[in-house]
């Protein structure tokens, strides 16, 4: 559960630093090199 929390904080940091404009753009970001 601690690992879940840590990965969640990193995901939140990614959302803060690299905000997406749409759901489609968010998925595109995840698969873009």
ModelCIF file with pLDDT and N, C-alpha, C, O atoms, coordinates in Angstrom:
data_MODEL
#
_entry.id   MODEL 
#
_entity.id                         1 
_entity.type                       polymer 
_entity.pdbx_number_of_molecules   1 
#
_entity_poly.entity_id                      1 
_entity_poly.type                           'polypeptide(L)' 
_entity_poly.nstd_linkage                   no 
_entity_poly.nstd_monomer                   no 
_entity_poly.pdbx_seq_one_letter_code       
;(UNK)(UNK)(UNK)(UNK)(UNK)(UNK)(UNK)(UNK)(UNK)(UNK)(UNK)(UNK)(UNK)(UNK)(UNK)(UNK)
(UNK)(UNK)(UNK)(UNK)(UNK)(UNK)(UNK)(UNK)(UNK)(UNK)(UNK)(UNK)(UNK)(UNK)(UNK)(UNK)
(UNK)
;
_entity_poly.pdbx_seq_one_letter_code_can   XXXXXXXXXXXXXXXXXXXXXXXXXXXXXXXXX 
_entity_poly.pdbx_strand_id                 A 
#
loop_
_entity_poly_seq.entity_id 
_entity_poly_seq.num 
_entity_poly_seq.mon_id 
_entity_poly_seq.hetero 
1 1  UNK n 
1 2  UNK n 
1 3  UNK n 
1 4  UNK n 
1 5  UNK n 
1 6  UNK n 
1 7  UNK n 
1 8  UNK n 
1 9  UNK n 
1 10 UNK n 
1 11 UNK n 
1 12 UNK n 
1 13 UNK n 
1 14 UNK n 
1 15 UNK n 
1 16 UNK n 
1 17 UNK n 
1 18 UNK n 
1 19 UNK n 
1 20 UNK n 
1 21 UNK n 
1 22 UNK n 
1 23 UNK n 
1 24 UNK n 
1 25 UNK n 
1 26 UNK n 
1 27 UNK n 
1 28 UNK n 
1 29 UNK n 
1 30 UNK n 
1 31 UNK n 
1 32 UNK n 
1 33 UNK n 
#
_struct_asym.id          A 
_struct_asym.entity_id   1 
#
loop_
_ma_qa_metric.id 
_ma_qa_metric.mode 
_ma_qa_metric.name 
_ma_qa_metric.software_group_id 
_ma_qa_metric.type 
1 global pLDDT . pLDDT 
2 local  pLDDT . pLDDT 
#
_ma_qa_metric_global.metric_id      1 
_ma_qa_metric_global.metric_value   82.39 
_ma_qa_metric_global.model_id       1 
_ma_qa_metric_global.ordinal_id     1 
#
loop_
_ma_qa_metric_local.label_asym_id 
_ma_qa_metric_local.label_comp_id 
_ma_qa_metric_local.label_seq_id 
_ma_qa_metric_local.metric_id 
_ma_qa_metric_local.metric_value 
_ma_qa_metric_local.model_id 
_ma_qa_metric_local.ordinal_id 
A UNK 1  2 95.00 1 1  
A UNK 2  2 95.00 1 2  
A UNK 3  2 95.00 1 3  
A UNK 4  2 94.00 1 4  
A UNK 5  2 93.00 1 5  
A UNK 6  2 92.00 1 6  
A UNK 7  2 92.00 1 7  
A UNK 8  2 89.00 1 8  
A UNK 9  2 88.00 1 9  
A UNK 10 2 88.00 1 10 
A UNK 11 2 86.00 1 11 
A UNK 12 2 84.00 1 12 
A UNK 13 2 83.00 1 13 
A UNK 14 2 82.00 1 14 
A UNK 15 2 80.00 1 15 
A UNK 16 2 79.00 1 16 
A UNK 17 2 82.00 1 17 
A UNK 18 2 81.00 1 18 
A UNK 19 2 81.00 1 19 
A UNK 20 2 76.00 1 20 
A UNK 21 2 74.00 1 21 
A UNK 22 2 78.00 1 22 
A UNK 23 2 77.00 1 23 
A UNK 24 2 77.00 1 24 
A UNK 25 2 74.00 1 25 
A UNK 26 2 74.00 1 26 
A UNK 27 2 73.00 1 27 
A UNK 28 2 78.00 1 28 
A UNK 29 2 77.00 1 29 
A UNK 30 2 76.00 1 30 
A UNK 31 2 74.00 1 31 
A UNK 32 2 77.00 1 32 
A UNK 33 2 75.00 1 33 
#
loop_
_atom_site.group_PDB 
_atom_site.id 
_atom_site.type_symbol 
_atom_site.label_atom_id 
_atom_site.label_alt_id 
_atom_site.label_comp_id 
_atom_site.label_asym_id 
_atom_site.label_entity_id 
_atom_site.label_seq_id 
_atom_site.pdbx_PDB_ins_code 
_atom_site.Cartn_x 
_atom_site.Cartn_y 
_atom_site.Cartn_z 
_atom_site.occupancy 
_atom_site.B_iso_or_equiv 
_atom_site.pdbx_formal_charge 
_atom_site.auth_seq_id 
_atom_site.auth_comp_id 
_atom_site.auth_asym_id 
_atom_site.auth_atom_id 
_atom_site.pdbx_PDB_model_num 
ATOM 1   N N  . UNK A 1 1  ? 0.837  -1.201 0.000   1.00 95.00 ? 1  UNK A N  1 
ATOM 2   C CA . UNK A 1 1  ? 0.000  0.000  0.000   1.00 95.00 ? 1  UNK A CA 1 
ATOM 3   C C  . UNK A 1 1  ? 0.874  1.254  0.000   1.00 95.00 ? 1  UNK A C  1 
ATOM 4   O O  . UNK A 1 1  ? 0.515  2.262  -0.610  1.00 95.00 ? 1  UNK A O  1 
ATOM 5   N N  . UNK A 1 2  ? 2.013  1.196  0.678   1.00 95.00 ? 2  UNK A N  1 
ATOM 6   C CA . UNK A 1 2  ? 2.951  2.323  0.658   1.00 95.00 ? 2  UNK A CA 1 
ATOM 7   C C  . UNK A 1 2  ? 3.438  2.573  -0.770  1.00 95.00 ? 2  UNK A C  1 
ATOM 8   O O  . UNK A 1 2  ? 3.547  3.722  -1.199  1.00 95.00 ? 2  UNK A O  1 
ATOM 9   N N  . UNK A 1 3  ? 3.734  1.490  -1.508  1.00 95.00 ? 3  UNK A N  1 
ATOM 10  C CA . UNK A 1 3  ? 4.161  1.630  -2.906  1.00 95.00 ? 3  UNK A CA 1 
ATOM 11  C C  . UNK A 1 3  ? 3.048  2.250  -3.747  1.00 95.00 ? 3  UNK A C  1 
ATOM 12  O O  . UNK A 1 3  ? 3.313  3.050  -4.644  1.00 95.00 ? 3  UNK A O  1 
ATOM 13  N N  . UNK A 1 4  ? 1.802  1.878  -3.456  1.00 94.00 ? 4  UNK A N  1 
ATOM 14  C CA . UNK A 1 4  ? 0.668  2.491  -4.159  1.00 94.00 ? 4  UNK A CA 1 
ATOM 15  C C  . UNK A 1 4  ? 0.664  4.001  -3.931  1.00 94.00 ? 4  UNK A C  1 
ATOM 16  O O  . UNK A 1 4  ? 0.452  4.778  -4.862  1.00 94.00 ? 4  UNK A O  1 
ATOM 17  N N  . UNK A 1 5  ? 0.900  4.407  -2.685  1.00 93.00 ? 5  UNK A N  1 
ATOM 18  C CA . UNK A 1 5  ? 0.928  5.836  -2.379  1.00 93.00 ? 5  UNK A CA 1 
ATOM 19  C C  . UNK A 1 5  ? 2.053  6.560  -3.086  1.00 93.00 ? 5  UNK A C  1 
ATOM 20  O O  . UNK A 1 5  ? 1.859  7.666  -3.590  1.00 93.00 ? 5  UNK A O  1 
ATOM 21  N N  . UNK A 1 6  ? 3.239  5.944  -3.131  1.00 92.00 ? 6  UNK A N  1 
ATOM 22  C CA . UNK A 1 6  ? 4.388  6.576  -3.780  1.00 92.00 ? 6  UNK A CA 1 
ATOM 23  C C  . UNK A 1 6  ? 4.152  6.710  -5.281  1.00 92.00 ? 6  UNK A C  1 
ATOM 24  O O  . UNK A 1 6  ? 4.417  7.767  -5.853  1.00 92.00 ? 6  UNK A O  1 
ATOM 25  N N  . UNK A 1 7  ? 3.657  5.655  -5.925  1.00 92.00 ? 7  UNK A N  1 
ATOM 26  C CA . UNK A 1 7  ? 3.383  5.753  -7.360  1.00 92.00 ? 7  UNK A CA 1 
ATOM 27  C C  . UNK A 1 7  ? 2.279  6.777  -7.643  1.00 92.00 ? 7  UNK A C  1 
ATOM 28  O O  . UNK A 1 7  ? 2.278  7.433  -8.684  1.00 92.00 ? 7  UNK A O  1 
ATOM 29  N N  . UNK A 1 8  ? 1.336  6.902  -6.693  1.00 89.00 ? 8  UNK A N  1 
ATOM 30  C CA . UNK A 1 8  ? 0.290  7.914  -6.863  1.00 89.00 ? 8  UNK A CA 1 
ATOM 31  C C  . UNK A 1 8  ? 0.841  9.324  -6.803  1.00 89.00 ? 8  UNK A C  1 
ATOM 32  O O  . UNK A 1 8  ? 0.400  10.201 -7.545  1.00 89.00 ? 8  UNK A O  1 
ATOM 33  N N  . UNK A 1 9  ? 1.818  9.550  -5.908  1.00 88.00 ? 9  UNK A N  1 
ATOM 34  C CA . UNK A 1 9  ? 2.429  10.884 -5.816  1.00 88.00 ? 9  UNK A CA 1 
ATOM 35  C C  . UNK A 1 9  ? 3.207  11.216 -7.082  1.00 88.00 ? 9  UNK A C  1 
ATOM 36  O O  . UNK A 1 9  ? 3.220  12.366 -7.519  1.00 88.00 ? 9  UNK A O  1 
ATOM 37  N N  . UNK A 1 10 ? 3.854  10.220 -7.670  1.00 88.00 ? 10 UNK A N  1 
ATOM 38  C CA . UNK A 1 10 ? 4.601  10.454 -8.906  1.00 88.00 ? 10 UNK A CA 1 
ATOM 39  C C  . UNK A 1 10 ? 3.647  10.729 -10.076 1.00 88.00 ? 10 UNK A C  1 
ATOM 40  O O  . UNK A 1 10 ? 3.928  11.556 -10.944 1.00 88.00 ? 10 UNK A O  1 
ATOM 41  N N  . UNK A 1 11 ? 2.509  10.013 -10.078 1.00 86.00 ? 11 UNK A N  1 
ATOM 42  C CA . UNK A 1 11 ? 1.508  10.271 -11.112 1.00 86.00 ? 11 UNK A CA 1 
ATOM 43  C C  . UNK A 1 11 ? 0.949  11.685 -10.985 1.00 86.00 ? 11 UNK A C  1 
ATOM 44  O O  . UNK A 1 11 ? 0.735  12.373 -11.984 1.00 86.00 ? 11 UNK A O  1 
ATOM 45  N N  . UNK A 1 12 ? 0.713  12.113 -9.734  1.00 84.00 ? 12 UNK A N  1 
ATOM 46  C CA . UNK A 1 12 ? 0.207  13.471 -9.511  1.00 84.00 ? 12 UNK A CA 1 
ATOM 47  C C  . UNK A 1 12 ? 1.226  14.514 -9.930  1.00 84.00 ? 12 UNK A C  1 
ATOM 48  O O  . UNK A 1 12 ? 0.862  15.560 -10.466 1.00 84.00 ? 12 UNK A O  1 
ATOM 49  N N  . UNK A 1 13 ? 2.508  14.235 -9.688  1.00 83.00 ? 13 UNK A N  1 
ATOM 50  C CA . UNK A 1 13 ? 3.559  15.159 -10.124 1.00 83.00 ? 13 UNK A CA 1 
ATOM 51  C C  . UNK A 1 13 ? 3.582  15.260 -11.643 1.00 83.00 ? 13 UNK A C  1 
ATOM 52  O O  . UNK A 1 13 ? 3.743  16.346 -12.198 1.00 83.00 ? 13 UNK A O  1 
ATOM 53  N N  . UNK A 1 14 ? 3.421  14.121 -12.310 1.00 82.00 ? 14 UNK A N  1 
ATOM 54  C CA . UNK A 1 14 ? 3.370  14.137 -13.764 1.00 82.00 ? 14 UNK A CA 1 
ATOM 55  C C  . UNK A 1 14 ? 2.194  14.954 -14.289 1.00 82.00 ? 14 UNK A C  1 
ATOM 56  O O  . UNK A 1 14 ? 2.324  15.672 -15.280 1.00 82.00 ? 14 UNK A O  1 
ATOM 57  N N  . UNK A 1 15 ? 1.034  14.842 -13.616 1.00 80.00 ? 15 UNK A N  1 
ATOM 58  C CA . UNK A 1 15 ? -0.136 15.633 -14.020 1.00 80.00 ? 15 UNK A CA 1 
ATOM 59  C C  . UNK A 1 15 ? 0.114  17.127 -13.832 1.00 80.00 ? 15 UNK A C  1 
ATOM 60  O O  . UNK A 1 15 ? -0.369 17.950 -14.610 1.00 80.00 ? 15 UNK A O  1 
ATOM 61  N N  . UNK A 1 16 ? 0.880  17.472 -12.781 1.00 79.00 ? 16 UNK A N  1 
ATOM 62  C CA . UNK A 1 16 ? 1.169  18.885 -12.509 1.00 79.00 ? 16 UNK A CA 1 
ATOM 63  C C  . UNK A 1 16 ? 2.158  19.461 -13.510 1.00 79.00 ? 16 UNK A C  1 
ATOM 64  O O  . UNK A 1 16 ? 1.973  20.573 -14.005 1.00 79.00 ? 16 UNK A O  1 
ATOM 65  N N  . UNK A 1 17 ? 3.209  18.701 -13.807 1.00 82.00 ? 17 UNK A N  1 
ATOM 66  C CA . UNK A 1 17 ? 4.261  19.213 -14.693 1.00 82.00 ? 17 UNK A CA 1 
ATOM 67  C C  . UNK A 1 17 ? 3.898  19.104 -16.172 1.00 82.00 ? 17 UNK A C  1 
ATOM 68  O O  . UNK A 1 17 ? 4.342  19.913 -16.987 1.00 82.00 ? 17 UNK A O  1 
ATOM 69  N N  . UNK A 1 18 ? 3.090  18.104 -16.513 1.00 81.00 ? 18 UNK A N  1 
ATOM 70  C CA . UNK A 1 18 ? 2.740  17.881 -17.923 1.00 81.00 ? 18 UNK A CA 1 
ATOM 71  C C  . UNK A 1 18 ? 1.230  17.742 -18.059 1.00 81.00 ? 18 UNK A C  1 
ATOM 72  O O  . UNK A 1 18 ? 0.739  16.662 -18.386 1.00 81.00 ? 18 UNK A O  1 
ATOM 73  N N  . UNK A 1 19 ? 0.486  18.818 -17.813 1.00 81.00 ? 19 UNK A N  1 
ATOM 74  C CA . UNK A 1 19 ? -0.979 18.743 -17.891 1.00 81.00 ? 19 UNK A CA 1 
ATOM 75  C C  . UNK A 1 19 ? -1.451 18.478 -19.311 1.00 81.00 ? 19 UNK A C  1 
ATOM 76  O O  . UNK A 1 19 ? -0.873 18.981 -20.274 1.00 81.00 ? 19 UNK A O  1 
ATOM 77  N N  . UNK A 1 20 ? -2.508 17.683 -19.428 1.00 76.00 ? 20 UNK A N  1 
ATOM 78  C CA . UNK A 1 20 ? -3.082 17.375 -20.733 1.00 76.00 ? 20 UNK A CA 1 
ATOM 79  C C  . UNK A 1 20 ? -4.325 18.217 -20.960 1.00 76.00 ? 20 UNK A C  1 
ATOM 80  O O  . UNK A 1 20 ? -5.011 18.593 -20.009 1.00 76.00 ? 20 UNK A O  1 
ATOM 81  N N  . UNK A 1 21 ? -4.613 18.513 -22.217 1.00 74.00 ? 21 UNK A N  1 
ATOM 82  C CA . UNK A 1 21 ? -5.772 19.349 -22.555 1.00 74.00 ? 21 UNK A CA 1 
ATOM 83  C C  . UNK A 1 21 ? -7.028 18.534 -22.786 1.00 74.00 ? 21 UNK A C  1 
ATOM 84  O O  . UNK A 1 21 ? -8.133 19.076 -22.784 1.00 74.00 ? 21 UNK A O  1 
ATOM 85  N N  . UNK A 1 22 ? -6.865 17.224 -22.986 1.00 78.00 ? 22 UNK A N  1 
ATOM 86  C CA . UNK A 1 22 ? -8.012 16.350 -23.212 1.00 78.00 ? 22 UNK A CA 1 
ATOM 87  C C  . UNK A 1 22 ? -7.632 14.926 -22.824 1.00 78.00 ? 22 UNK A C  1 
ATOM 88  O O  . UNK A 1 22 ? -6.458 14.615 -22.624 1.00 78.00 ? 22 UNK A O  1 
ATOM 89  N N  . UNK A 1 23 ? -8.643 14.067 -22.722 1.00 77.00 ? 23 UNK A N  1 
ATOM 90  C CA . UNK A 1 23 ? -8.384 12.674 -22.363 1.00 77.00 ? 23 UNK A CA 1 
ATOM 91  C C  . UNK A 1 23 ? -7.573 11.991 -23.450 1.00 77.00 ? 23 UNK A C  1 
ATOM 92  O O  . UNK A 1 23 ? -6.667 11.209 -23.163 1.00 77.00 ? 23 UNK A O  1 
ATOM 93  N N  . UNK A 1 24 ? -7.902 12.290 -24.700 1.00 77.00 ? 24 UNK A N  1 
ATOM 94  C CA . UNK A 1 24 ? -7.143 11.716 -25.810 1.00 77.00 ? 24 UNK A CA 1 
ATOM 95  C C  . UNK A 1 24 ? -5.693 12.149 -25.788 1.00 77.00 ? 24 UNK A C  1 
ATOM 96  O O  . UNK A 1 24 ? -4.790 11.350 -26.036 1.00 77.00 ? 24 UNK A O  1 
ATOM 97  N N  . UNK A 1 25 ? -5.474 13.428 -25.487 1.00 74.00 ? 25 UNK A N  1 
ATOM 98  C CA . UNK A 1 25 ? -4.102 13.928 -25.408 1.00 74.00 ? 25 UNK A CA 1 
ATOM 99  C C  . UNK A 1 25 ? -3.339 13.273 -24.269 1.00 74.00 ? 25 UNK A C  1 
ATOM 100 O O  . UNK A 1 25 ? -2.135 13.039 -24.379 1.00 74.00 ? 25 UNK A O  1 
ATOM 101 N N  . UNK A 1 26 ? -4.033 12.976 -23.171 1.00 74.00 ? 26 UNK A N  1 
ATOM 102 C CA . UNK A 1 26 ? -3.379 12.332 -22.035 1.00 74.00 ? 26 UNK A CA 1 
ATOM 103 C C  . UNK A 1 26 ? -2.888 10.934 -22.405 1.00 74.00 ? 26 UNK A C  1 
ATOM 104 O O  . UNK A 1 26 ? -1.773 10.549 -22.053 1.00 74.00 ? 26 UNK A O  1 
ATOM 105 N N  . UNK A 1 27 ? -3.738 10.164 -23.129 1.00 73.00 ? 27 UNK A N  1 
ATOM 106 C CA . UNK A 1 27 ? -3.315 8.830  -23.556 1.00 73.00 ? 27 UNK A CA 1 
ATOM 107 C C  . UNK A 1 27 ? -2.194 8.912  -24.583 1.00 73.00 ? 27 UNK A C  1 
ATOM 108 O O  . UNK A 1 27 ? -1.288 8.078  -24.589 1.00 73.00 ? 27 UNK A O  1 
ATOM 109 N N  . UNK A 1 28 ? -2.258 9.922  -25.454 1.00 78.00 ? 28 UNK A N  1 
ATOM 110 C CA . UNK A 1 28 ? -1.187 10.097 -26.437 1.00 78.00 ? 28 UNK A CA 1 
ATOM 111 C C  . UNK A 1 28 ? 0.133  10.368 -25.752 1.00 78.00 ? 28 UNK A C  1 
ATOM 112 O O  . UNK A 1 28 ? 1.173  9.857  -26.165 1.00 78.00 ? 28 UNK A O  1 
ATOM 113 N N  . UNK A 1 29 ? 0.091  11.184 -24.690 1.00 77.00 ? 29 UNK A N  1 
ATOM 114 C CA . UNK A 1 29 ? 1.304  11.479 -23.922 1.00 77.00 ? 29 UNK A CA 1 
ATOM 115 C C  . UNK A 1 29 ? 1.928  10.202 -23.367 1.00 77.00 ? 29 UNK A C  1 
ATOM 116 O O  . UNK A 1 29 ? 3.146  10.031 -23.404 1.00 77.00 ? 29 UNK A O  1 
ATOM 117 N N  . UNK A 1 30 ? 1.092  9.314  -22.857 1.00 76.00 ? 30 UNK A N  1 
ATOM 118 C CA . UNK A 1 30 ? 1.607  8.117  -22.195 1.00 76.00 ? 30 UNK A CA 1 
ATOM 119 C C  . UNK A 1 30 ? 2.320  7.172  -23.162 1.00 76.00 ? 30 UNK A C  1 
ATOM 120 O O  . UNK A 1 30 ? 3.191  6.406  -22.750 1.00 76.00 ? 30 UNK A O  1 
ATOM 121 N N  . UNK A 1 31 ? 1.953  7.221  -24.451 1.00 74.00 ? 31 UNK A N  1 
ATOM 122 C CA . UNK A 1 31 ? 2.548  6.304  -25.420 1.00 74.00 ? 31 UNK A CA 1 
ATOM 123 C C  . UNK A 1 31 ? 3.520  7.001  -26.368 1.00 74.00 ? 31 UNK A C  1 
ATOM 124 O O  . UNK A 1 31 ? 4.000  6.402  -27.330 1.00 74.00 ? 31 UNK A O  1 
ATOM 125 N N  . UNK A 1 32 ? 3.803  8.267  -26.087 1.00 77.00 ? 32 UNK A N  1 
ATOM 126 C CA . UNK A 1 32 ? 4.735  9.017  -26.933 1.00 77.00 ? 32 UNK A CA 1 
ATOM 127 C C  . UNK A 1 32 ? 6.159  8.869  -26.418 1.00 77.00 ? 32 UNK A C  1 
ATOM 128 O O  . UNK A 1 32 ? 6.408  8.984  -25.218 1.00 77.00 ? 32 UNK A O  1 
ATOM 129 N N  . UNK A 1 33 ? 7.100  8.612  -27.340 1.00 75.00 ? 33 UNK A N  1 
ATOM 130 C CA . UNK A 1 33 ? 8.500  8.479  -26.953 1.00 75.00 ? 33 UNK A CA 1 
ATOM 131 C C  . UNK A 1 33 ? 9.105  9.803  -26.511 1.00 75.00 ? 33 UNK A C  1 
ATOM 132 O O  . UNK A 1 33 ? 10.281 9.855  -26.153 1.00 75.00 ? 33 UNK A O  1 
#
